[in-house]
């Protein structure tokens, strides 16, 4: 039996360590997966895009009809405390640690019934852990992905803890020794198992529209803003499978991947890598390099501010 590391966490108003955290077996998050979550990246002790994460958390709670148990100020305080406690537990200074703050809210504890019970108290759990990012080799050469039909439910816009569909989708790529599973619904691109997917064609960036079939990653707005700053055309609309297979570049985005190039899809090279240079398929292209550089600059701007102070 694996032993959990003694990392700090928060559960229903109190700070404790992961091995000591306990919830009821009748918690609806355990019984039904009836809850939502957020993952906030932290660079140099500073949470990245925290207002956007808290806004999406609120949207997910609204969809589930679960009241937000904390105010924005209380969420910020909780995140700051976890950042500091994680640094203490690893004997590092907060400004020297990159980490992920995970937040989960479930509907709460009640006797098992599919109907949503009224007036129960939500369960609030949060923890921080080390951030694992793509390697330098993956950034230099890109990663391989595979494709699959999107067999998950049609409320993908909710960042739900009911992730069994995504677990199965991710395992498809694990079995193929690939990094991600790029999924299609009725012949159109949706997203990957735990990433958004971007198509580059003729110097423009394309993504699926913001709707119930795609989780709007925090990087949706960020990449749109970076494209605008870089003068790269940006469009959201339905993208046919054939357009994905014939993309000039293919990109993944997520909290941990940031922006990551896909250079092989179903065993075939993606694009030409360098437009106008024949015979150089399957290398990260110029749009990826521009976006990645702009992403790092955005991190530096946000994370140059003083780290949030615990209370």
Protein backbone atom coordinates (compact mmCIF):
# COMPACT_ATOMS: atom_id res chain seq x y z
CA UNK A 1 0.00 0.00 0.00
CA UNK A 2 1.42 3.38 -1.03
CA UNK A 3 1.94 5.97 1.66
CA UNK A 4 0.91 9.55 1.03
CA UNK A 5 3.60 12.18 1.55
CA UNK A 6 3.14 14.46 4.54
CA UNK A 7 2.22 17.46 2.42
CA UNK A 8 -0.02 20.23 3.74
CA UNK A 9 -3.67 20.41 2.77
CA UNK A 10 -6.90 22.13 3.78
CA UNK A 11 -10.16 20.38 4.59
CA UNK A 12 -13.36 22.09 5.72
CA UNK A 13 -11.80 25.00 7.56
CA UNK A 14 -8.67 23.36 8.98
CA UNK A 15 -5.13 22.77 7.74
CA UNK A 16 -3.71 19.29 8.12
CA UNK A 17 -1.46 16.81 6.30
CA UNK A 18 -2.56 14.56 3.45
CA UNK A 19 -2.26 11.28 5.42
CA UNK A 20 -4.50 12.72 8.14
CA UNK A 21 -7.25 14.21 5.93
CA UNK A 22 -10.56 12.33 6.15
CA UNK A 23 -14.00 12.72 4.56
CA UNK A 24 -17.24 10.81 5.08
CA UNK A 25 -17.90 7.75 2.90
CA UNK A 26 -21.27 9.40 2.20
CA UNK A 27 -19.70 12.48 0.66
CA UNK A 28 -21.35 12.94 -2.74
CA UNK A 29 -17.96 13.54 -4.30
CA UNK A 30 -17.02 9.98 -3.31
CA UNK A 31 -20.42 8.42 -4.11
CA UNK A 32 -21.31 10.28 -7.34
CA UNK A 33 -18.30 12.37 -8.35
CA UNK A 34 -20.68 15.26 -7.56
CA UNK A 35 -18.19 18.09 -7.38
CA UNK A 36 -15.86 20.42 -9.25
CA UNK A 37 -12.18 21.28 -9.07
CA UNK A 38 -9.55 23.79 -10.14
CA UNK A 39 -5.77 23.54 -10.55
CA UNK A 40 -3.83 26.78 -10.11
CA UNK A 41 -0.19 26.86 -11.29
CA UNK A 42 2.23 28.70 -9.01
CA UNK A 43 5.51 30.13 -10.27
CA UNK A 44 8.13 31.52 -7.90
CA UNK A 45 5.57 31.47 -5.12
CA UNK A 46 3.03 33.49 -7.12
CA UNK A 47 -0.30 32.02 -8.38
CA UNK A 48 -0.69 32.45 -12.13
CA UNK A 49 -4.04 33.69 -13.52
CA UNK A 50 -5.74 33.22 -10.14
CA UNK A 51 -8.69 35.57 -10.92
CA UNK A 52 -9.46 33.54 -14.05
CA UNK A 53 -9.30 30.27 -12.10
CA UNK A 54 -11.64 31.61 -9.42
CA UNK A 55 -14.06 32.85 -12.09
CA UNK A 56 -14.15 29.42 -13.73
CA UNK A 57 -14.61 27.78 -10.32
CA UNK A 58 -17.66 29.98 -9.82
CA UNK A 59 -19.05 29.06 -13.27
CA UNK A 60 -18.67 25.35 -12.51
CA UNK A 61 -20.35 25.74 -9.11
CA UNK A 62 -23.22 27.64 -10.71
CA UNK A 63 -23.74 24.80 -13.21
CA UNK A 64 -23.89 22.29 -10.33
CA UNK A 65 -26.11 24.59 -8.24
CA UNK A 66 -23.65 24.44 -5.36
CA UNK A 67 -23.15 27.65 -3.35
CA UNK A 68 -19.59 28.96 -3.31
CA UNK A 69 -18.42 28.27 0.26
CA UNK A 70 -15.75 31.01 0.27
CA UNK A 71 -15.39 34.57 -0.95
CA UNK A 72 -12.70 35.55 -3.45
CA UNK A 73 -10.68 37.04 -0.59
CA UNK A 74 -10.96 33.81 1.40
CA UNK A 75 -9.88 31.75 -1.63
CA UNK A 76 -6.86 34.00 -2.10
CA UNK A 77 -5.98 33.62 1.58
CA UNK A 78 -6.31 29.83 1.35
CA UNK A 79 -4.09 29.67 -1.74
CA UNK A 80 -1.46 31.90 -0.12
CA UNK A 81 -1.40 29.73 2.99
CA UNK A 82 -1.00 26.53 1.00
CA UNK A 83 1.84 28.03 -1.06
CA UNK A 84 3.69 29.00 2.12
CA UNK A 85 2.97 25.72 3.91
CA UNK A 86 4.14 23.70 0.92
CA UNK A 87 7.38 25.68 0.82
CA UNK A 88 7.86 25.06 4.56
CA UNK A 89 7.23 21.33 4.13
CA UNK A 90 9.86 21.11 1.39
CA UNK A 91 12.27 23.44 3.22
CA UNK A 92 12.29 25.87 0.32
CA UNK A 93 11.55 29.55 0.11
CA UNK A 94 8.11 30.24 -1.46
CA UNK A 95 9.66 32.33 -4.23
CA UNK A 96 11.85 29.35 -5.20
CA UNK A 97 9.04 26.82 -5.61
CA UNK A 98 6.87 26.06 -8.62
CA UNK A 99 3.81 24.15 -7.50
CA UNK A 100 0.18 23.34 -8.25
CA UNK A 101 -2.63 24.27 -5.89
CA UNK A 102 -5.53 21.86 -6.32
CA UNK A 103 -8.99 22.93 -5.12
CA UNK A 104 -12.01 20.60 -4.92
CA UNK A 105 -15.55 21.34 -3.81
CA UNK A 106 -18.23 18.66 -3.57
CA UNK A 107 -21.92 19.05 -2.86
CA UNK A 108 -21.37 17.61 0.62
CA UNK A 109 -22.48 14.69 2.79
CA UNK A 110 -25.95 13.13 2.50
CA UNK A 111 -27.62 9.74 2.31
CA UNK A 112 -27.28 8.26 -1.16
CA UNK A 113 -29.94 9.61 -3.52
CA UNK A 114 -29.44 10.72 -7.11
CA UNK A 115 -31.53 13.86 -6.55
CA UNK A 116 -29.65 16.94 -5.36
CA UNK A 117 -30.28 17.34 -1.63
CA UNK A 118 -31.08 20.83 -0.41
CA UNK A 119 -29.27 22.78 2.29
CA UNK A 120 -26.23 20.59 2.84
CA UNK A 121 -22.77 22.00 3.49
CA UNK A 122 -20.24 21.67 0.64
CA UNK A 123 -17.01 19.82 1.30
CA UNK A 124 -13.94 21.97 0.59
CA UNK A 125 -10.54 20.35 0.04
CA UNK A 126 -7.33 21.91 -1.24
CA UNK A 127 -3.70 20.87 -1.43
CA UNK A 128 -0.43 21.90 -3.04
CA UNK A 129 2.08 19.68 -4.77
CA UNK A 130 5.16 19.86 -6.98
CA UNK A 131 4.55 20.96 -10.56
CA UNK A 132 5.80 18.50 -13.16
CA UNK A 133 6.40 20.22 -16.50
CA UNK A 134 7.41 18.97 -19.97
CA UNK A 135 11.09 18.24 -20.40
CA UNK A 136 13.49 20.32 -22.47
CA UNK A 137 13.62 17.46 -24.99
CA UNK A 138 9.83 17.50 -25.38
CA UNK A 139 9.87 21.24 -25.99
CA UNK A 140 12.70 20.94 -28.50
CA UNK A 141 11.30 17.99 -30.48
CA UNK A 142 7.58 18.08 -29.70
CA UNK A 143 5.46 15.18 -28.48
CA UNK A 144 3.45 12.38 -30.02
CA UNK A 145 -0.34 12.13 -29.68
CA UNK A 146 -3.03 9.71 -30.82
CA UNK A 147 -6.65 10.31 -31.81
CA UNK A 148 -9.90 8.85 -30.51
CA UNK A 149 -13.63 9.45 -30.61
CA UNK A 150 -14.81 11.69 -27.78
CA UNK A 151 -16.98 9.30 -25.75
CA UNK A 152 -17.42 11.55 -22.71
CA UNK A 153 -20.57 13.36 -21.58
CA UNK A 154 -21.82 16.54 -23.26
CA UNK A 155 -21.21 18.92 -20.35
CA UNK A 156 -17.47 19.11 -20.81
CA UNK A 157 -17.54 22.84 -19.95
CA UNK A 158 -17.96 21.92 -16.26
CA UNK A 159 -14.63 21.19 -14.56
CA UNK A 160 -16.17 18.21 -12.86
CA UNK A 161 -14.51 15.65 -10.60
CA UNK A 162 -16.37 12.97 -12.61
CA UNK A 163 -13.30 12.27 -14.73
CA UNK A 164 -13.63 8.58 -15.60
CA UNK A 165 -14.10 9.41 -19.28
CA UNK A 166 -10.90 11.46 -19.27
CA UNK A 167 -9.10 8.68 -17.41
CA UNK A 168 -10.03 6.22 -20.17
CA UNK A 169 -9.07 8.75 -22.85
CA UNK A 170 -5.68 9.41 -21.27
CA UNK A 171 -5.02 5.68 -20.93
CA UNK A 172 -5.41 5.33 -24.71
CA UNK A 173 -2.34 7.52 -25.15
CA UNK A 174 -0.47 5.81 -22.31
CA UNK A 175 -1.02 2.43 -24.00
CA UNK A 176 0.30 3.93 -27.26
CA UNK A 177 3.31 5.50 -25.47
CA UNK A 178 2.04 8.94 -26.48
CA UNK A 179 1.58 12.16 -24.51
CA UNK A 180 -2.10 12.89 -25.15
CA UNK A 181 -5.29 11.67 -26.82
CA UNK A 182 -6.76 14.20 -29.25
CA UNK A 183 -10.51 13.63 -29.41
CA UNK A 184 -13.18 14.21 -32.02
CA UNK A 185 -16.96 14.36 -31.63
CA UNK A 186 -18.98 13.64 -34.79
CA UNK A 187 -15.93 14.37 -36.93
CA UNK A 188 -14.98 17.67 -35.26
CA UNK A 189 -12.17 18.47 -32.84
CA UNK A 190 -13.17 18.76 -29.20
CA UNK A 191 -10.12 18.58 -26.90
CA UNK A 192 -7.55 16.18 -25.49
CA UNK A 193 -7.92 14.06 -22.36
CA UNK A 194 -6.49 16.78 -20.11
CA UNK A 195 -5.50 19.57 -22.52
CA UNK A 196 -6.97 22.00 -24.99
CA UNK A 197 -5.88 21.53 -28.61
CA UNK A 198 -4.94 24.27 -31.08
CA UNK A 199 -4.52 24.03 -34.85
CA UNK A 200 -2.13 26.31 -36.74
CA UNK A 201 -2.73 26.85 -40.46
CA UNK A 202 -1.18 29.51 -42.69
CA UNK A 203 0.12 31.41 -39.67
CA UNK A 204 -3.27 31.58 -37.85
CA UNK A 205 -4.35 29.81 -34.65
CA UNK A 206 -7.68 27.97 -34.58
CA UNK A 207 -9.53 26.39 -31.68
CA UNK A 208 -12.94 24.82 -31.03
CA UNK A 209 -15.64 27.28 -29.94
CA UNK A 210 -16.47 28.00 -26.32
CA UNK A 211 -19.45 25.74 -25.69
CA UNK A 212 -20.58 22.77 -23.62
CA UNK A 213 -18.42 20.30 -25.59
CA UNK A 214 -15.08 21.75 -24.49
CA UNK A 215 -13.67 22.76 -21.13
CA UNK A 216 -12.64 26.36 -21.59
CA UNK A 217 -9.11 26.19 -20.29
CA UNK A 218 -7.68 29.28 -18.63
CA UNK A 219 -5.26 29.33 -21.54
CA UNK A 220 -8.17 29.97 -23.96
CA UNK A 221 -8.24 33.62 -22.99
CA UNK A 222 -4.50 33.78 -22.44
CA UNK A 223 -3.59 32.38 -25.86
CA UNK A 224 -6.12 34.70 -27.50
CA UNK A 225 -4.47 37.65 -25.76
CA UNK A 226 -0.96 36.45 -26.67
CA UNK A 227 -1.99 36.01 -30.32
CA UNK A 228 -3.40 39.53 -30.33
CA UNK A 229 -0.16 40.93 -28.91
CA UNK A 230 1.90 38.97 -31.44
CA UNK A 231 -0.30 39.89 -34.40
CA UNK A 232 -1.26 36.23 -34.99
CA UNK A 233 -4.82 35.75 -36.31
CA UNK A 234 -6.97 33.82 -33.80
CA UNK A 235 -10.27 32.10 -34.62
CA UNK A 236 -12.69 29.85 -32.73
CA UNK A 237 -14.98 27.61 -34.80
CA UNK A 238 -15.72 23.97 -35.55
CA UNK A 239 -12.58 22.25 -36.85
CA UNK A 240 -12.99 19.14 -38.99
CA UNK A 241 -10.80 16.12 -38.40
CA UNK A 242 -9.19 16.51 -41.82
CA UNK A 243 -8.10 20.05 -40.95
CA UNK A 244 -6.40 18.73 -37.81
CA UNK A 245 -4.62 15.98 -39.74
CA UNK A 246 -3.35 18.54 -42.27
CA UNK A 247 -2.40 21.29 -39.82
CA UNK A 248 0.87 23.18 -40.18
CA UNK A 249 1.31 22.96 -36.43
CA UNK A 250 -0.62 21.33 -33.61
CA UNK A 251 -0.41 22.61 -30.03
CA UNK A 252 -1.57 21.48 -26.59
CA UNK A 253 -2.23 23.81 -23.67
CA UNK A 254 -2.88 23.20 -19.99
CA UNK A 255 -1.75 24.44 -16.58
CA UNK A 256 1.29 22.14 -16.56
CA UNK A 257 2.01 21.90 -20.30
CA UNK A 258 1.62 25.67 -20.78
CA UNK A 259 1.97 25.51 -24.60
CA UNK A 260 3.43 22.29 -26.02
CA UNK A 261 4.02 21.31 -29.66
CA UNK A 262 2.64 18.07 -31.10
CA UNK A 263 4.93 16.80 -33.84
CA UNK A 264 3.48 13.32 -34.41
CA UNK A 265 -0.19 12.34 -34.56
CA UNK A 266 -1.20 8.69 -34.94
CA UNK A 267 2.36 7.93 -35.96
CA UNK A 268 2.45 10.54 -38.73
CA UNK A 269 4.45 13.80 -38.70
CA UNK A 270 2.50 16.99 -38.12
CA UNK A 271 2.85 19.72 -40.73
CA UNK A 272 6.11 20.95 -42.16
CA UNK A 273 7.39 22.58 -38.99
CA UNK A 274 8.88 25.45 -40.97
CA UNK A 275 6.47 26.86 -43.59
CA UNK A 276 7.95 26.91 -47.07
CA UNK A 277 10.72 24.46 -46.21
CA UNK A 278 9.83 21.07 -47.68
CA UNK A 279 11.09 17.83 -46.21
CA UNK A 280 11.23 19.07 -42.61
CA UNK A 281 8.08 17.58 -41.12
CA UNK A 282 7.43 16.97 -37.49
CA UNK A 283 9.38 19.73 -35.77
CA UNK A 284 8.02 22.53 -33.57
CA UNK A 285 7.02 25.44 -35.78
CA UNK A 286 7.35 29.22 -35.60
CA UNK A 287 3.90 29.89 -34.11
CA UNK A 288 4.66 27.55 -31.22
CA UNK A 289 7.99 29.25 -30.57
CA UNK A 290 6.36 32.69 -30.65
CA UNK A 291 3.54 31.68 -28.29
CA UNK A 292 5.85 29.87 -25.90
CA UNK A 293 8.13 32.88 -25.66
CA UNK A 294 5.16 35.20 -25.07
CA UNK A 295 3.78 32.81 -22.45
CA UNK A 296 7.05 32.91 -20.51
CA UNK A 297 7.03 36.71 -20.69
CA UNK A 298 3.46 36.75 -19.30
CA UNK A 299 4.56 34.51 -16.42
CA UNK A 300 7.49 36.78 -15.69
CA UNK A 301 5.22 39.85 -15.60
CA UNK A 302 2.69 38.28 -13.23
CA UNK A 303 5.20 36.50 -11.03
CA UNK A 304 7.48 39.49 -10.61
CA UNK A 305 4.96 40.79 -8.08
CA UNK A 306 5.57 39.92 -4.41
CA UNK A 307 4.32 36.49 -3.44
CA UNK A 308 0.97 36.50 -1.57
CA UNK A 309 1.45 36.66 2.16
CA UNK A 310 -0.06 33.90 4.33
CA UNK A 311 -2.20 34.90 7.25
